Protein backbone atom coordinates (compact mmCIF):
# COMPACT_ATOMS: atom_id res chain seq x y z
CA MET A 1 -23.80 -17.56 1.45
CA GLY A 2 -21.17 -18.29 -1.22
CA VAL A 3 -19.51 -14.93 -0.56
CA VAL A 4 -20.36 -14.49 3.12
CA LEU A 5 -18.34 -17.46 4.41
CA PRO A 6 -15.00 -16.60 2.77
CA VAL A 7 -15.43 -12.93 3.70
CA LEU A 8 -16.09 -13.75 7.37
CA PHE A 9 -13.09 -16.05 7.64
CA ALA A 10 -10.89 -13.58 5.74
CA LEU A 11 -11.88 -10.87 8.22
CA LEU A 12 -11.06 -13.21 11.13
CA ALA A 13 -7.67 -13.89 9.56
CA ALA A 14 -7.05 -10.18 8.98
CA PHE A 15 -7.83 -9.41 12.62
CA SER A 16 -5.53 -12.18 13.86
CA ASN A 17 -2.75 -11.03 11.54
CA ALA A 18 -3.18 -7.46 12.78
CA LEU A 19 -2.80 -8.64 16.38
CA ALA A 20 0.23 -10.70 15.38
CA THR A 21 1.83 -7.70 13.65
CA VAL A 22 1.50 -5.50 16.74
CA LEU A 23 2.99 -8.18 18.99
CA GLN A 24 5.76 -9.17 16.56
CA ARG A 25 6.75 -5.55 15.97
CA ARG A 26 7.30 -5.09 19.70
CA ALA A 27 9.32 -8.29 19.86
CA ALA A 28 11.43 -7.43 16.80
CA LEU A 29 12.45 -4.12 18.34
CA SER A 30 13.53 -5.82 21.57
CA VAL A 31 16.28 -7.97 20.02
CA PRO A 32 19.60 -6.90 18.44
CA GLN A 33 19.26 -5.58 14.90
CA SER A 34 20.98 -7.40 12.05
CA GLN A 35 22.51 -5.84 8.96
CA GLY A 36 22.13 -8.98 6.84
CA PHE A 37 19.72 -11.87 6.49
CA ARG A 38 20.04 -13.77 9.76
CA PRO A 39 17.91 -16.90 10.36
CA GLY A 40 19.21 -16.83 13.95
CA LEU A 41 16.95 -13.83 14.49
CA VAL A 42 14.11 -16.29 15.08
CA VAL A 43 16.12 -17.93 17.90
CA ASP A 44 16.39 -14.57 19.64
CA LEU A 45 12.69 -13.94 19.12
CA LEU A 46 11.74 -17.32 20.60
CA ARG A 47 12.97 -15.97 23.94
CA GLN A 48 10.34 -13.22 23.75
CA PRO A 49 6.90 -14.30 25.10
CA VAL A 50 5.23 -11.50 23.17
CA TRP A 51 6.63 -12.93 19.91
CA ILE A 52 5.32 -16.40 20.75
CA ALA A 53 1.88 -14.88 21.38
CA GLY A 54 2.16 -13.19 18.02
CA MET A 55 2.97 -16.50 16.33
CA LEU A 56 -0.09 -18.11 17.94
CA ALA A 57 -2.15 -15.33 16.40
CA VAL A 58 -0.47 -16.14 13.08
CA VAL A 59 -1.64 -19.76 13.42
CA VAL A 60 -5.23 -18.63 14.00
CA ALA A 61 -4.92 -16.33 11.00
CA GLY A 62 -3.60 -19.19 8.90
CA VAL A 63 -6.59 -21.38 9.73
CA GLY A 64 -9.01 -18.56 8.93
CA GLN A 65 -7.20 -17.82 5.68
CA ALA A 66 -7.20 -21.48 4.67
CA VAL A 67 -10.97 -21.75 5.13
CA ALA A 68 -11.52 -18.47 3.29
CA LEU A 69 -9.37 -19.58 0.35
CA ALA A 70 -11.04 -22.98 0.24
CA THR A 71 -14.48 -21.37 -0.09
CA GLY A 72 -13.81 -18.20 -2.09
CA PRO A 73 -11.69 -16.78 -4.93
CA LEU A 74 -8.14 -15.65 -4.25
CA SER A 75 -8.88 -12.23 -5.79
CA LEU A 76 -11.67 -11.69 -3.23
CA VAL A 77 -10.04 -13.11 -0.10
CA GLN A 78 -6.54 -11.62 -0.25
CA PRO A 79 -7.49 -7.96 -0.91
CA LEU A 80 -9.49 -8.07 2.35
CA PHE A 81 -6.17 -8.35 4.16
CA VAL A 82 -5.66 -4.65 3.40
CA LEU A 83 -7.74 -4.20 6.55
CA GLU A 84 -4.84 -5.54 8.62
CA LEU A 85 -3.23 -2.10 8.84
CA PRO A 86 -6.22 -0.17 10.22
CA LEU A 87 -7.03 -3.09 12.52
CA ALA A 88 -3.44 -3.18 13.76
CA LEU A 89 -3.53 0.54 14.53
CA LEU A 90 -6.84 0.23 16.36
CA LEU A 91 -5.45 -2.66 18.43
CA ALA A 92 -2.25 -0.75 19.14
CA SER A 93 -4.22 2.30 20.26
CA LEU A 94 -6.11 0.12 22.74
CA MET A 95 -2.92 -1.52 24.02
CA THR A 96 -1.12 1.79 24.45
CA HIS A 97 -4.20 3.67 25.73
CA ARG A 98 -3.79 6.31 23.04
CA ARG A 99 -6.60 7.83 21.05
CA LEU A 100 -6.47 7.90 17.29
CA PRO A 101 -6.54 11.47 15.94
CA ARG A 102 -9.25 12.50 13.50
CA ALA A 103 -6.89 12.27 10.50
CA MET A 104 -6.25 8.61 11.23
CA TRP A 105 -9.95 7.84 11.65
CA LEU A 106 -10.51 9.44 8.25
CA ALA A 107 -7.71 7.30 6.83
CA VAL A 108 -9.31 4.17 8.32
CA GLY A 109 -12.58 5.18 6.68
CA SER A 110 -10.79 5.76 3.39
CA VAL A 111 -9.35 2.22 3.42
CA VAL A 112 -12.67 0.59 4.35
CA VAL A 113 -14.75 2.56 1.84
CA GLY A 114 -12.13 2.18 -0.89
CA LEU A 115 -11.95 -1.57 -0.35
CA GLY A 116 -15.72 -1.85 -0.48
CA ILE A 117 -15.93 0.15 -3.72
CA ALA A 118 -13.05 -1.75 -5.35
CA LEU A 119 -14.37 -5.22 -4.50
CA ALA A 120 -18.01 -4.41 -5.28
CA SER A 121 -17.10 -3.00 -8.68
CA ALA A 122 -14.60 -5.76 -9.51
CA ALA A 123 -16.94 -8.52 -8.27
CA PRO A 124 -14.24 -11.23 -8.40
CA ASP A 125 -15.82 -14.59 -9.09
CA GLY A 126 -15.52 -17.86 -10.91
CA GLY A 127 -12.18 -19.38 -11.63
CA GLU A 128 -10.93 -22.93 -11.97
CA ALA A 129 -10.63 -25.24 -8.99
CA GLU A 130 -7.40 -26.87 -10.16
CA VAL A 131 -4.29 -25.17 -11.50
CA ALA A 132 -2.27 -27.05 -14.10
CA LEU A 133 1.46 -27.44 -13.55
CA ASP A 134 2.26 -25.51 -16.72
CA ARG A 135 0.63 -22.44 -15.14
CA TRP A 136 2.31 -23.00 -11.78
CA LEU A 137 5.87 -23.15 -13.11
CA PRO A 138 6.10 -19.61 -14.56
CA ALA A 139 4.21 -18.18 -11.56
CA LEU A 140 6.59 -19.87 -9.11
CA ALA A 141 9.63 -18.71 -11.06
CA ALA A 142 8.36 -15.13 -11.31
CA CYS A 143 7.44 -14.86 -7.62
CA ALA A 144 10.66 -16.50 -6.41
CA GLY A 145 12.75 -14.30 -8.68
CA ALA A 146 10.96 -11.13 -7.61
CA ALA A 147 11.25 -12.00 -3.91
CA VAL A 148 14.98 -12.80 -4.18
CA LEU A 149 15.75 -9.64 -6.15
CA LEU A 150 13.76 -7.40 -3.80
CA ALA A 151 15.29 -9.01 -0.69
CA ALA A 152 18.82 -8.73 -2.12
CA ALA A 153 18.25 -5.08 -3.03
CA GLY A 154 16.94 -4.33 0.45
CA LEU A 155 19.71 -6.11 2.32
CA ARG A 156 22.34 -4.16 0.38
CA ARG A 157 20.86 -0.92 1.68
CA PRO A 158 21.51 0.59 5.11
CA VAL A 159 18.70 0.72 7.66
CA GLY A 160 16.12 3.15 6.33
CA LYS A 161 13.14 3.55 4.02
CA ALA A 162 14.69 1.90 0.96
CA ARG A 163 15.70 -1.21 2.91
CA ALA A 164 12.34 -1.52 4.65
CA GLY A 165 10.39 -0.90 1.45
CA CYS A 166 12.26 -3.54 -0.54
CA LEU A 167 11.98 -6.13 2.23
CA GLY A 168 8.30 -5.29 2.72
CA ALA A 169 7.68 -5.80 -1.01
CA ALA A 170 9.57 -9.12 -0.95
CA THR A 171 7.43 -10.22 2.00
CA ALA A 172 4.28 -9.26 0.08
CA VAL A 173 5.26 -11.46 -2.85
CA CYS A 174 5.90 -14.40 -0.52
CA TYR A 175 2.58 -13.90 1.28
CA ALA A 176 0.66 -13.75 -2.01
CA LEU A 177 2.40 -16.88 -3.30
CA THR A 178 1.73 -18.66 0.00
CA ALA A 179 -1.99 -17.87 -0.31
CA ALA A 180 -2.14 -19.10 -3.91
CA LEU A 181 -0.42 -22.37 -2.99
CA MET A 182 -2.54 -22.76 0.13
CA LYS A 183 -5.71 -22.46 -1.93
CA ASP A 184 -4.61 -25.31 -4.20
CA SER A 185 -3.57 -27.50 -1.27
CA MET A 186 -6.97 -26.92 0.37
CA ARG A 187 -8.55 -28.23 -2.84
CA VAL A 188 -6.44 -31.38 -2.55
CA LEU A 189 -7.45 -31.76 1.11
CA ASP A 190 -11.11 -31.51 0.14
CA THR A 191 -10.92 -33.95 -2.77
CA GLU A 192 -8.25 -36.43 -1.67
CA GLY A 193 -8.29 -36.15 2.11
CA VAL A 194 -5.42 -35.89 4.56
CA THR A 195 -3.24 -38.38 2.68
CA GLY A 196 -3.48 -36.37 -0.50
CA PHE A 197 -2.83 -33.14 1.40
CA LEU A 198 0.32 -34.55 2.99
CA THR A 199 1.68 -35.94 -0.26
CA THR A 200 1.02 -33.07 -2.66
CA TRP A 201 3.86 -30.68 -3.49
CA GLN A 202 1.67 -27.60 -2.98
CA THR A 203 1.47 -28.26 0.77
CA TYR A 204 5.23 -28.17 1.23
CA ALA A 205 5.63 -25.32 -1.21
CA PHE A 206 3.20 -23.08 0.70
CA ALA A 207 4.89 -24.05 3.98
CA ALA A 208 8.29 -23.06 2.56
CA ALA A 209 6.92 -19.81 1.13
CA GLY A 210 5.26 -19.05 4.46
CA VAL A 211 8.49 -19.57 6.41
CA GLY A 212 10.31 -17.32 3.96
CA ALA A 213 7.61 -14.67 4.38
CA VAL A 214 7.95 -14.75 8.19
CA LEU A 215 11.73 -14.38 8.03
CA LEU A 216 11.47 -11.52 5.55
CA LEU A 217 8.78 -9.83 7.66
CA GLU A 218 10.98 -9.80 10.76
CA HIS A 219 13.86 -8.27 8.80
CA ALA A 220 11.52 -5.74 7.19
CA MET A 221 10.32 -4.67 10.63
CA GLN A 222 13.91 -4.11 11.71
CA GLY A 223 14.95 -2.64 8.39
CA GLY A 224 13.40 0.79 8.70
CA PRO A 225 10.25 2.79 9.39
CA LEU A 226 6.78 1.33 8.95
CA VAL A 227 5.93 4.18 6.59
CA ALA A 228 8.11 2.34 4.05
CA SER A 229 7.58 -1.36 4.82
CA GLN A 230 3.86 -1.42 5.63
CA PRO A 231 2.47 0.12 2.42
CA ALA A 232 4.73 -2.13 0.35
CA LEU A 233 3.54 -5.17 2.29
CA THR A 234 -0.15 -4.28 2.48
CA LEU A 235 -0.64 -3.04 -1.08
CA GLY A 236 1.83 -5.49 -2.61
CA ASP A 237 0.10 -8.53 -1.13
CA ALA A 238 -3.29 -7.43 -2.50
CA ALA A 239 -1.91 -6.56 -5.94
CA VAL A 240 0.15 -9.74 -6.42
CA SER A 241 -2.71 -11.90 -5.10
CA LEU A 242 -5.10 -10.35 -7.60
CA LEU A 243 -2.65 -11.07 -10.42
CA LEU A 244 -2.17 -14.66 -9.27
CA GLY A 245 -5.91 -15.17 -8.96
CA VAL A 246 -6.44 -14.10 -12.56
CA ALA A 247 -3.33 -15.78 -14.01
CA LEU A 248 -3.43 -19.06 -12.09
CA TYR A 249 -7.07 -19.66 -11.21
CA GLN A 250 -8.57 -17.80 -14.20
CA GLU A 251 -10.78 -15.76 -11.86
CA ASP A 252 -12.99 -13.12 -13.45
CA VAL A 253 -13.10 -9.42 -12.57
CA ARG A 254 -15.33 -6.86 -14.23
CA GLY A 255 -13.92 -4.76 -17.02
CA GLY A 256 -15.27 -1.92 -19.12
CA TRP A 257 -16.60 1.11 -17.27
CA TRP A 258 -16.34 -0.83 -13.99
CA VAL A 259 -12.62 -0.05 -14.08
CA VAL A 260 -13.41 3.57 -13.14
CA PRO A 261 -14.89 2.81 -9.68
CA GLN A 262 -12.21 0.14 -9.21
CA LEU A 263 -9.50 2.76 -9.70
CA LEU A 264 -11.35 5.14 -7.37
CA GLY A 265 -11.46 2.43 -4.70
CA VAL A 266 -7.77 1.65 -5.15
CA ALA A 267 -6.91 5.36 -4.89
CA LEU A 268 -8.82 5.64 -1.60
CA ILE A 269 -7.05 2.55 -0.28
CA VAL A 270 -3.60 3.86 -1.24
CA VAL A 271 -4.23 7.27 0.34
CA GLY A 272 -5.58 5.66 3.50
CA VAL A 273 -2.73 3.13 3.80
CA LEU A 274 -0.03 5.76 3.25
CA THR A 275 -1.61 8.06 5.82
CA LEU A 276 -1.97 5.29 8.40
CA ALA A 277 1.60 4.05 7.86
CA ARG A 278 3.02 7.58 8.12
CA ARG A 279 1.11 8.64 11.21
CA GLY A 280 0.77 5.31 12.98
CA THR A 281 4.37 4.40 13.81
CA ASP A 282 4.20 5.41 17.47
CA LEU A 283 1.02 3.45 18.04
CA ARG A 284 2.32 0.33 16.31
CA THR A 285 5.55 0.24 18.26
CA GLY A 286 4.08 1.26 21.57
CA GLN A 287 6.92 3.76 21.99
C-alpha cells in the first residue's frame, strides 16, 4: 500500500494535467501572440472560459500531486507525469472525434512500457523526510539560474522550435522545483499543521515557482510547435525531478546491472514522447 497510494494520486494528477494542457493549448492559441515575456497574457486568457476550465483541472492536479508527494518519493511520483502526453493526446482525440493512427498507439505503448521498465528497475525508495537548508540553497540557485537562462535564450529567439524548446525546458525546471518544494511543505503540514504550513518558506517558494511555471508554459505553447516544447517539458520534468529527489531527499535508486533496463526504459520513453509530440500536434490543438 506504500507504493499504491502515491501512484494512484500521481496518475490522477497526470490525467488532470493532461486535460488542462489540452484546454490551455486551445486558449493560448486564441489570444494574440507575444514576442516577449508578457504577464498580461494571463489577463487575456482569463477572458477565455476554456482556459479557466483548464486552470480548474490544474487545481485538481495540484491536490493529487500534493497527496502523491506526501506519501511517496519524488523520484517515483514525478516520472509518472510522463504519462501526461499520451493522456493528453487520447483526450484530444476524443474531443476532436479523431482516431489515433497505429503509429501513435505504438508510441503510447512505448511510453507506458518504457516507464514501467524504468521505474521497476530503478525501484526509487527511501529518502529523508526533511531537507536541510544547506541542501536547499544550492538546489534553488541551480534551478533558478537554469530557468532564467533557458527562458532568456528562448525569448531572444523568433517563434519556432528553438524558442519553444528553450521555454519548454525552463518550464520543466520550474515544475520539478515546484514539486520538490511542495513535498517539503506537505511534510510541514503533516507535522506542524496548518499554522506551520502557512508560515514555512517552502509553501511560498513552491507557490512562486508554480506561478512562474504557468507563465512560462503559456509562452512555450505560443512560442512554437509542440514537437519542440512538449518533449523538453515532459522529459525535462522527469529528469530534473529525479535529480532533485536524489540530491535533496537522498532517495535511493538501484545501480549496477539495473542501469541497463533503466536505460532501455528511458530509450522507449524518449522514442515514444518524440513520436507523440511530432505526430500529435493537430490533435492537441484541435485544428
